[in-house]
N, C-alpha and C. Protein backbone atom coordinates (compact mmCIF):
# COMPACT_ATOMS: atom_id res chain seq x y z
N UNK A 1 253.11 143.75 308.82
CA UNK A 1 253.31 143.15 310.11
C UNK A 1 252.70 144.01 311.20
N UNK A 2 252.11 143.39 312.12
CA UNK A 2 251.53 144.08 313.26
C UNK A 2 252.44 143.88 314.46
N UNK A 3 252.69 144.97 315.15
CA UNK A 3 253.49 144.84 316.36
C UNK A 3 252.59 144.41 317.50
N UNK A 4 253.03 143.44 318.22
CA UNK A 4 252.24 142.94 319.34
C UNK A 4 252.81 143.49 320.63
N UNK A 5 251.93 143.97 321.43
CA UNK A 5 252.33 144.45 322.74
C UNK A 5 251.97 143.38 323.76
N UNK A 6 252.87 143.19 324.68
CA UNK A 6 252.60 142.20 325.73
C UNK A 6 251.50 142.73 326.63
N UNK A 7 250.55 141.87 326.90
CA UNK A 7 249.45 142.25 327.78
C UNK A 7 249.98 142.34 329.22
N UNK A 8 249.55 143.37 329.93
CA UNK A 8 249.91 143.50 331.33
C UNK A 8 251.13 144.37 331.57
N UNK A 9 251.88 144.74 330.55
CA UNK A 9 253.04 145.61 330.74
C UNK A 9 252.57 147.06 330.64
N UNK A 10 252.76 147.76 331.73
CA UNK A 10 252.37 149.16 331.78
C UNK A 10 253.52 149.95 332.38
N UNK A 11 253.41 151.27 332.35
CA UNK A 11 254.46 152.11 332.93
C UNK A 11 254.59 151.89 334.43
N UNK A 12 253.54 151.49 335.10
CA UNK A 12 253.58 151.26 336.53
C UNK A 12 254.48 150.09 336.91
N UNK A 13 254.77 149.22 335.95
CA UNK A 13 255.61 148.06 336.23
C UNK A 13 257.08 148.42 336.34
N UNK A 14 257.46 149.63 335.97
CA UNK A 14 258.87 150.00 335.99
C UNK A 14 259.41 150.18 337.40
N UNK A 15 258.58 150.58 338.33
CA UNK A 15 259.06 150.88 339.68
C UNK A 15 258.65 149.80 340.68
N UNK A 16 258.93 148.57 340.35
CA UNK A 16 258.71 147.47 341.27
C UNK A 16 259.79 147.50 342.35
N UNK A 17 259.58 146.87 343.49
CA UNK A 17 260.59 146.89 344.56
C UNK A 17 261.96 146.38 344.12
N UNK A 18 261.99 145.34 343.32
CA UNK A 18 263.29 144.83 342.88
C UNK A 18 264.00 145.83 341.97
N UNK A 19 263.25 146.52 341.16
CA UNK A 19 263.86 147.54 340.29
C UNK A 19 264.47 148.66 341.13
N UNK A 20 263.76 149.08 342.17
CA UNK A 20 264.27 150.14 343.03
C UNK A 20 265.53 149.69 343.78
N UNK A 21 265.56 148.44 344.22
CA UNK A 21 266.75 147.92 344.91
C UNK A 21 267.94 147.89 343.96
N UNK A 22 267.72 147.43 342.75
CA UNK A 22 268.81 147.38 341.77
C UNK A 22 269.30 148.79 341.45
N UNK A 23 268.39 149.75 341.30
CA UNK A 23 268.80 151.13 341.05
C UNK A 23 269.61 151.69 342.22
N UNK A 24 269.22 151.36 343.45
CA UNK A 24 269.96 151.83 344.62
C UNK A 24 271.37 151.24 344.65
N UNK A 25 271.50 149.97 344.30
CA UNK A 25 272.82 149.33 344.28
C UNK A 25 273.69 149.96 343.21
N UNK A 26 273.13 150.21 342.04
CA UNK A 26 273.90 150.82 340.95
C UNK A 26 274.34 152.23 341.35
N UNK A 27 273.45 153.00 341.97
CA UNK A 27 273.81 154.35 342.40
C UNK A 27 274.90 154.29 343.45
N UNK A 28 274.82 153.33 344.36
CA UNK A 28 275.85 153.17 345.39
C UNK A 28 277.19 152.84 344.77
N UNK A 29 277.19 151.96 343.78
CA UNK A 29 278.45 151.59 343.12
C UNK A 29 279.03 152.74 342.31
N UNK A 30 278.17 153.52 341.68
CA UNK A 30 278.65 154.63 340.85
C UNK A 30 279.17 155.80 341.67
N UNK A 31 278.45 156.17 342.71
CA UNK A 31 278.76 157.40 343.42
C UNK A 31 279.47 157.19 344.75
N UNK A 32 279.37 156.02 345.32
CA UNK A 32 280.03 155.78 346.60
C UNK A 32 279.20 156.27 347.76
N UNK A 33 279.60 155.82 348.96
CA UNK A 33 278.82 156.12 350.17
C UNK A 33 278.92 157.59 350.56
N UNK A 34 280.03 158.25 350.27
CA UNK A 34 280.19 159.64 350.69
C UNK A 34 279.38 160.60 349.83
N UNK A 35 279.22 160.31 348.56
CA UNK A 35 278.55 161.23 347.66
C UNK A 35 277.03 161.09 347.68
N UNK A 36 276.51 159.94 348.09
CA UNK A 36 275.05 159.73 348.05
C UNK A 36 274.28 160.72 348.92
N UNK A 37 274.69 160.99 350.18
CA UNK A 37 273.94 162.00 350.95
C UNK A 37 273.98 163.38 350.31
N UNK A 38 275.12 163.74 349.73
CA UNK A 38 275.23 165.05 349.07
C UNK A 38 274.28 165.11 347.86
N UNK A 39 274.24 164.02 347.11
CA UNK A 39 273.36 163.99 345.94
C UNK A 39 271.90 164.04 346.36
N UNK A 40 271.55 163.32 347.42
CA UNK A 40 270.18 163.35 347.91
C UNK A 40 269.77 164.74 348.38
N UNK A 41 270.69 165.40 349.09
CA UNK A 41 270.40 166.75 349.57
C UNK A 41 270.21 167.71 348.39
N UNK A 42 271.10 167.62 347.42
CA UNK A 42 270.99 168.49 346.25
C UNK A 42 269.71 168.23 345.47
N UNK A 43 269.35 166.96 345.35
CA UNK A 43 268.12 166.62 344.64
C UNK A 43 266.90 167.15 345.38
N UNK A 44 266.91 167.01 346.70
CA UNK A 44 265.79 167.52 347.50
C UNK A 44 265.64 169.02 347.40
N UNK A 45 266.77 169.74 347.47
CA UNK A 45 266.72 171.20 347.35
C UNK A 45 266.26 171.62 345.97
N UNK A 46 266.70 170.89 344.96
CA UNK A 46 266.28 171.19 343.60
C UNK A 46 264.79 170.99 343.41
N UNK A 47 264.26 169.89 343.96
CA UNK A 47 262.82 169.64 343.85
C UNK A 47 262.03 170.69 344.62
N UNK A 48 262.54 171.11 345.76
CA UNK A 48 261.84 172.13 346.55
C UNK A 48 261.78 173.45 345.78
N UNK A 49 262.91 173.83 345.18
CA UNK A 49 262.93 175.05 344.38
C UNK A 49 262.03 174.96 343.17
N UNK A 50 262.00 173.78 342.56
CA UNK A 50 261.14 173.57 341.40
C UNK A 50 259.67 173.72 341.79
N UNK A 51 259.29 173.10 342.91
CA UNK A 51 257.90 173.20 343.36
C UNK A 51 257.53 174.64 343.69
N UNK A 52 258.43 175.36 344.34
CA UNK A 52 258.16 176.76 344.66
C UNK A 52 258.03 177.58 343.39
N UNK A 53 258.86 177.27 342.40
CA UNK A 53 258.77 177.99 341.13
C UNK A 53 257.47 177.71 340.42
N UNK A 54 257.05 176.45 340.43
CA UNK A 54 255.78 176.10 339.79
C UNK A 54 254.62 176.75 340.54
N UNK A 55 254.70 176.76 341.86
CA UNK A 55 253.64 177.37 342.66
C UNK A 55 253.56 178.87 342.35
N UNK A 56 254.71 179.50 342.20
CA UNK A 56 254.73 180.93 341.90
C UNK A 56 254.18 181.24 340.53
N UNK A 57 254.35 180.32 339.58
CA UNK A 57 253.84 180.54 338.23
C UNK A 57 252.34 180.32 338.19
N UNK A 58 251.85 179.29 338.89
CA UNK A 58 250.43 178.96 338.81
C UNK A 58 249.57 179.86 339.71
N UNK A 59 250.11 180.31 340.83
CA UNK A 59 249.35 181.17 341.73
C UNK A 59 249.49 182.63 341.29
N UNK A 60 248.44 183.40 341.45
CA UNK A 60 248.57 184.83 341.15
C UNK A 60 249.48 185.48 342.18
N UNK A 61 250.17 186.52 341.81
CA UNK A 61 251.06 187.17 342.78
C UNK A 61 250.26 187.75 343.93
N UNK A 62 250.84 187.73 345.12
CA UNK A 62 250.09 188.30 346.26
C UNK A 62 249.90 189.80 346.06
N UNK A 63 248.78 190.33 346.57
CA UNK A 63 248.55 191.76 346.38
C UNK A 63 249.62 192.56 347.11
N UNK A 64 250.14 193.53 346.41
CA UNK A 64 251.19 194.35 347.02
C UNK A 64 250.53 195.49 347.78
N UNK A 65 251.02 195.73 348.95
CA UNK A 65 250.49 196.84 349.73
C UNK A 65 251.31 198.07 349.38
N UNK A 66 250.64 199.03 348.81
CA UNK A 66 251.33 200.26 348.43
C UNK A 66 251.39 201.17 349.63
N UNK A 67 252.58 201.58 349.94
CA UNK A 67 252.74 202.49 351.06
C UNK A 67 252.41 203.90 350.56
N UNK A 68 251.53 204.54 351.30
CA UNK A 68 251.16 205.89 350.88
C UNK A 68 252.36 206.81 351.12
N UNK A 69 252.55 207.69 350.20
CA UNK A 69 253.67 208.62 350.35
C UNK A 69 253.27 209.66 351.39
N UNK A 70 253.92 209.59 352.49
CA UNK A 70 253.59 210.51 353.57
C UNK A 70 254.43 211.77 353.43
N UNK A 71 253.78 212.88 353.61
CA UNK A 71 254.52 214.15 353.58
C UNK A 71 255.14 214.35 354.96
N UNK A 72 256.33 214.88 354.99
CA UNK A 72 256.95 215.09 356.30
C UNK A 72 256.14 216.09 357.11
N UNK A 73 256.17 215.96 358.43
CA UNK A 73 255.39 216.89 359.25
C UNK A 73 255.92 218.31 359.08
N UNK A 74 255.04 219.29 359.20
CA UNK A 74 255.49 220.68 359.03
C UNK A 74 256.44 221.05 360.16
N UNK A 75 257.34 221.98 359.89
CA UNK A 75 258.28 222.39 360.94
C UNK A 75 257.52 223.04 362.09
N UNK A 76 258.08 223.01 363.28
CA UNK A 76 257.38 223.63 364.41
C UNK A 76 257.24 225.13 364.17
N UNK A 77 256.18 225.70 364.68
CA UNK A 77 255.97 227.13 364.45
C UNK A 77 257.08 227.95 365.09
N UNK A 78 257.46 228.99 364.40
CA UNK A 78 258.53 229.85 364.91
C UNK A 78 257.99 230.63 366.10
N UNK A 79 258.84 230.82 367.07
CA UNK A 79 258.40 231.58 368.25
C UNK A 79 258.34 233.07 367.92
N UNK A 80 257.53 233.81 368.64
CA UNK A 80 257.34 235.22 368.39
C UNK A 80 258.45 236.07 369.04
N UNK A 81 259.32 235.44 369.81
CA UNK A 81 260.39 236.19 370.47
C UNK A 81 261.47 236.54 369.46
N UNK A 82 262.04 237.72 369.58
CA UNK A 82 263.15 238.07 368.67
C UNK A 82 264.39 237.27 369.06
N UNK A 83 265.27 237.03 368.10
CA UNK A 83 266.48 236.24 368.41
C UNK A 83 267.36 237.01 369.41
N UNK A 84 267.98 236.27 370.31
CA UNK A 84 268.83 236.88 371.32
C UNK A 84 270.24 237.09 370.78
N UNK A 85 270.80 238.18 371.13
CA UNK A 85 272.17 238.45 370.72
C UNK A 85 273.06 238.32 371.95
N UNK A 86 274.15 237.68 371.81
CA UNK A 86 274.89 237.40 372.99
C UNK A 86 276.18 238.00 373.18
């Protein structure tokens, strides 16, 4: 037996406007009006972190500027006067 695939069905057909509306209604019913903004915020922050992580992996690390080890300045020269006794 040969499996027949319907012509015209592609992955792009999954995100039609009606599908998105139905998904939004189901999410609203499952999570309620109070939780949806929290979930959206968490999802956005997660995607932002993911993108930053991917960017960090694909981009070479920025060149680090090595601070030269500076020697402390020499102490001031001692004066030629003898110490005073008081």
